[in-house]
Amino acid sequence: MLAAFDAEERPVGTVQLITSQPENQPHRADVAKLLVHQNVRRQGIAQALMSELERIARRERKTVLVLDTATGSGAEQFYARSGWEKVGEIPRYALMPDGEMTATSLFYKFLP
């Protein structure tokens, strides 16, 4: 897990790189839980976390990253702008905080 902190050393963002994969997928990793506190969004924190995550993934010899995020969310737009390829959606995938079901969008990114 990676974390970002503000000037007062309070956590303001996190992301996880899951490198444990099936035996036939040693080159792949999953990205989970990119979260940035709403009060500090659009300040480059998500991009910094993802850049560091990708650096670590490369060091671990991972060449394919996979993630999912709520369809229609700001995160979906962020990933698309950051070079991730959307491959589809799964309807009624997860519950939102208000109890509504939401679809998830699946993304991948090849690392050089």
C-alpha atoms as a PDB file:
ATOM      1  CA  MET A   1       0.000   0.000   0.000  1.00  0.00           C
ATOM      2  CA  LEU A   2       1.198   3.478  -0.856  1.00  0.00           C
ATOM      3  CA  ALA A   3       0.026   6.562   1.009  1.00  0.00           C
ATOM      4  CA  ALA A   4       0.198  10.322   0.547  1.00  0.00           C
ATOM      5  CA  PHE A   5       0.243  12.759   3.454  1.00  0.00           C
ATOM      6  CA  ASP A   6      -0.464  16.461   3.827  1.00  0.00           C
ATOM      7  CA  ALA A   7       1.809  19.024   5.516  1.00  0.00           C
ATOM      8  CA  GLU A   8       0.440  18.021   8.938  1.00  0.00           C
ATOM      9  CA  GLU A   9       1.289  14.366   8.174  1.00  0.00           C
ATOM     10  CA  ARG A  10      -2.375  13.370   7.861  1.00  0.00           C
ATOM     11  CA  PRO A  11      -3.115  10.685   5.262  1.00  0.00           C
ATOM     12  CA  VAL A  12      -4.860  12.161   2.213  1.00  0.00           C
ATOM     13  CA  GLY A  13      -4.542   9.346  -0.317  1.00  0.00           C
ATOM     14  CA  THR A  14      -3.809   5.657  -0.766  1.00  0.00           C
ATOM     15  CA  VAL A  15      -3.470   3.030  -3.484  1.00  0.00           C
ATOM     16  CA  GLN A  16      -2.636  -0.674  -3.413  1.00  0.00           C
ATOM     17  CA  LEU A  17      -0.612  -2.816  -5.818  1.00  0.00           C
ATOM     18  CA  ILE A  18      -1.565  -6.486  -5.581  1.00  0.00           C
ATOM     19  CA  THR A  19       1.282  -8.518  -7.025  1.00  0.00           C
ATOM     20  CA  SER A  20       0.255 -12.002  -5.899  1.00  0.00           C
ATOM     21  CA  GLN A  21      -1.263 -13.629  -8.992  1.00  0.00           C
ATOM     22  CA  PRO A  22      -1.944 -17.114 -10.363  1.00  0.00           C
ATOM     23  CA  GLU A  23       1.091 -19.116 -11.467  1.00  0.00           C
ATOM     24  CA  ASN A  24       0.391 -18.466 -15.152  1.00  0.00           C
ATOM     25  CA  GLN A  25       0.209 -14.669 -14.668  1.00  0.00           C
ATOM     26  CA  PRO A  26       3.474 -13.647 -13.001  1.00  0.00           C
ATOM     27  CA  HIS A  27       3.649 -10.577 -15.249  1.00  0.00           C
ATOM     28  CA  ARG A  28       0.327  -9.114 -14.016  1.00  0.00           C
ATOM     29  CA  ALA A  29      -0.702  -7.041 -10.991  1.00  0.00           C
ATOM     30  CA  ASP A  30      -3.972  -5.542  -9.811  1.00  0.00           C
ATOM     31  CA  VAL A  31      -4.475  -1.955  -8.711  1.00  0.00           C
ATOM     32  CA  ALA A  32      -6.959  -1.449  -5.880  1.00  0.00           C
ATOM     33  CA  LYS A  33      -8.409   1.323  -3.787  1.00  0.00           C
ATOM     34  CA  LEU A  34      -6.998   4.505  -5.251  1.00  0.00           C
ATOM     35  CA  LEU A  35      -8.554   6.922  -2.782  1.00  0.00           C
ATOM     36  CA  VAL A  36      -7.907  10.650  -2.411  1.00  0.00           C
ATOM     37  CA  HIS A  37      -9.679  12.731   0.240  1.00  0.00           C
ATOM     38  CA  GLN A  38     -12.297  14.954  -1.371  1.00  0.00           C
ATOM     39  CA  ASN A  39     -10.790  18.121   0.121  1.00  0.00           C
ATOM     40  CA  VAL A  40      -7.480  17.631  -1.708  1.00  0.00           C
ATOM     41  CA  ARG A  41      -8.557  16.298  -5.087  1.00  0.00           C
ATOM     42  CA  ARG A  42      -7.255  17.840  -8.338  1.00  0.00           C
ATOM     43  CA  GLN A  43      -3.885  18.606  -6.745  1.00  0.00           C
ATOM     44  CA  GLY A  44      -1.912  15.814  -8.431  1.00  0.00           C
ATOM     45  CA  ILE A  45      -2.070  13.371  -5.527  1.00  0.00           C
ATOM     46  CA  ALA A  46      -3.722  10.568  -7.507  1.00  0.00           C
ATOM     47  CA  GLN A  47      -1.240  11.013 -10.351  1.00  0.00           C
ATOM     48  CA  ALA A  48       1.706  10.955  -7.938  1.00  0.00           C
ATOM     49  CA  LEU A  49       0.427   7.801  -6.240  1.00  0.00           C
ATOM     50  CA  MET A  50      -0.147   6.056  -9.572  1.00  0.00           C
ATOM     51  CA  SER A  51       3.264   7.094 -10.906  1.00  0.00           C
ATOM     52  CA  GLU A  52       4.956   5.590  -7.872  1.00  0.00           C
ATOM     53  CA  LEU A  53       2.779   2.470  -8.102  1.00  0.00           C
ATOM     54  CA  GLU A  54       3.812   2.002 -11.749  1.00  0.00           C
ATOM     55  CA  ARG A  55       7.482   2.481 -10.833  1.00  0.00           C
ATOM     56  CA  ILE A  56       7.182  -0.245  -8.208  1.00  0.00           C
ATOM     57  CA  ALA A  57       5.305  -2.520 -10.619  1.00  0.00           C
ATOM     58  CA  ARG A  58       8.102  -2.151 -13.180  1.00  0.00           C
ATOM     59  CA  ARG A  59      10.697  -2.934 -10.524  1.00  0.00           C
ATOM     60  CA  GLU A  60       8.703  -6.086  -9.721  1.00  0.00           C
ATOM     61  CA  ARG A  61       8.723  -6.953 -13.464  1.00  0.00           C
ATOM     62  CA  LYS A  62       4.982  -6.480 -13.865  1.00  0.00           C
ATOM     63  CA  THR A  63       4.030  -5.553 -17.428  1.00  0.00           C
ATOM     64  CA  VAL A  64       0.218  -5.608 -17.254  1.00  0.00           C
ATOM     65  CA  LEU A  65      -1.812  -3.734 -14.645  1.00  0.00           C
ATOM     66  CA  VAL A  66      -5.565  -4.268 -14.225  1.00  0.00           C
ATOM     67  CA  LEU A  67      -8.171  -2.336 -12.238  1.00  0.00           C
ATOM     68  CA  ASP A  68     -11.859  -1.605 -11.982  1.00  0.00           C
ATOM     69  CA  THR A  69     -13.711   1.521 -10.911  1.00  0.00           C
ATOM     70  CA  ALA A  70     -17.291   2.779 -10.693  1.00  0.00           C
ATOM     71  CA  THR A  71     -18.672   3.527 -14.141  1.00  0.00           C
ATOM     72  CA  GLY A  72     -19.277   7.232 -14.685  1.00  0.00           C
ATOM     73  CA  SER A  73     -17.060   8.302 -11.788  1.00  0.00           C
ATOM     74  CA  GLY A  74     -14.338  10.905 -11.824  1.00  0.00           C
ATOM     75  CA  ALA A  75     -11.880   8.052 -11.313  1.00  0.00           C
ATOM     76  CA  GLU A  76     -12.993   6.512 -14.600  1.00  0.00           C
ATOM     77  CA  GLN A  77     -12.136   9.755 -16.384  1.00  0.00           C
ATOM     78  CA  PHE A  78      -8.814   9.999 -14.522  1.00  0.00           C
ATOM     79  CA  TYR A  79      -7.727   6.536 -15.654  1.00  0.00           C
ATOM     80  CA  ALA A  80      -8.707   7.211 -19.273  1.00  0.00           C
ATOM     81  CA  ARG A  81      -6.650  10.445 -19.240  1.00  0.00           C
ATOM     82  CA  SER A  82      -3.730   8.567 -17.679  1.00  0.00           C
ATOM     83  CA  GLY A  83      -3.332   6.088 -20.522  1.00  0.00           C
ATOM     84  CA  TRP A  84      -5.452   3.230 -19.228  1.00  0.00           C
ATOM     85  CA  GLU A  85      -7.576   1.299 -21.750  1.00  0.00           C
ATOM     86  CA  LYS A  86     -11.202   0.601 -20.880  1.00  0.00           C
ATOM     87  CA  VAL A  87     -12.246  -2.890 -21.955  1.00  0.00           C
ATOM     88  CA  GLY A  88     -15.813  -3.086 -20.714  1.00  0.00           C
ATOM     89  CA  GLU A  89     -18.351  -2.766 -17.952  1.00  0.00           C
ATOM     90  CA  ILE A  90     -20.057  -5.135 -15.554  1.00  0.00           C
ATOM     91  CA  PRO A  91     -23.549  -3.959 -14.538  1.00  0.00           C
ATOM     92  CA  ARG A  92     -24.785  -4.124 -10.929  1.00  0.00           C
ATOM     93  CA  TYR A  93     -21.260  -4.868  -9.694  1.00  0.00           C
ATOM     94  CA  ALA A  94     -21.027  -3.000  -6.389  1.00  0.00           C
ATOM     95  CA  LEU A  95     -23.009  -1.041  -3.835  1.00  0.00           C
ATOM     96  CA  MET A  96     -22.422   2.679  -3.526  1.00  0.00           C
ATOM     97  CA  PRO A  97     -22.448   4.281  -0.033  1.00  0.00           C
ATOM     98  CA  ASP A  98     -26.122   5.206  -0.544  1.00  0.00           C
ATOM     99  CA  GLY A  99     -27.012   1.550  -1.197  1.00  0.00           C
ATOM    100  CA  GLU A 100     -27.504   1.953  -4.957  1.00  0.00           C
ATOM    101  CA  MET A 101     -26.035  -0.685  -7.245  1.00  0.00           C
ATOM    102  CA  THR A 102     -23.471   0.590  -9.732  1.00  0.00           C
ATOM    103  CA  ALA A 103     -21.649  -0.803 -12.725  1.00  0.00           C
ATOM    104  CA  THR A 104     -17.888  -1.127 -12.770  1.00  0.00           C
ATOM    105  CA  SER A 105     -15.574  -0.315 -15.657  1.00  0.00           C
ATOM    106  CA  LEU A 106     -12.597  -2.581 -16.302  1.00  0.00           C
ATOM    107  CA  PHE A 107      -9.254  -1.075 -17.346  1.00  0.00           C
ATOM    108  CA  TYR A 108      -5.772  -2.320 -18.174  1.00  0.00           C
ATOM    109  CA  LYS A 109      -2.417  -0.701 -18.853  1.00  0.00           C
ATOM    110  CA  PHE A 110       0.732  -2.180 -20.389  1.00  0.00           C
ATOM    111  CA  LEU A 111       3.956  -1.018 -18.778  1.00  0.00           C
ATOM    112  CA  PRO A 112       7.091  -0.644 -20.892  1.00  0.00           C
END
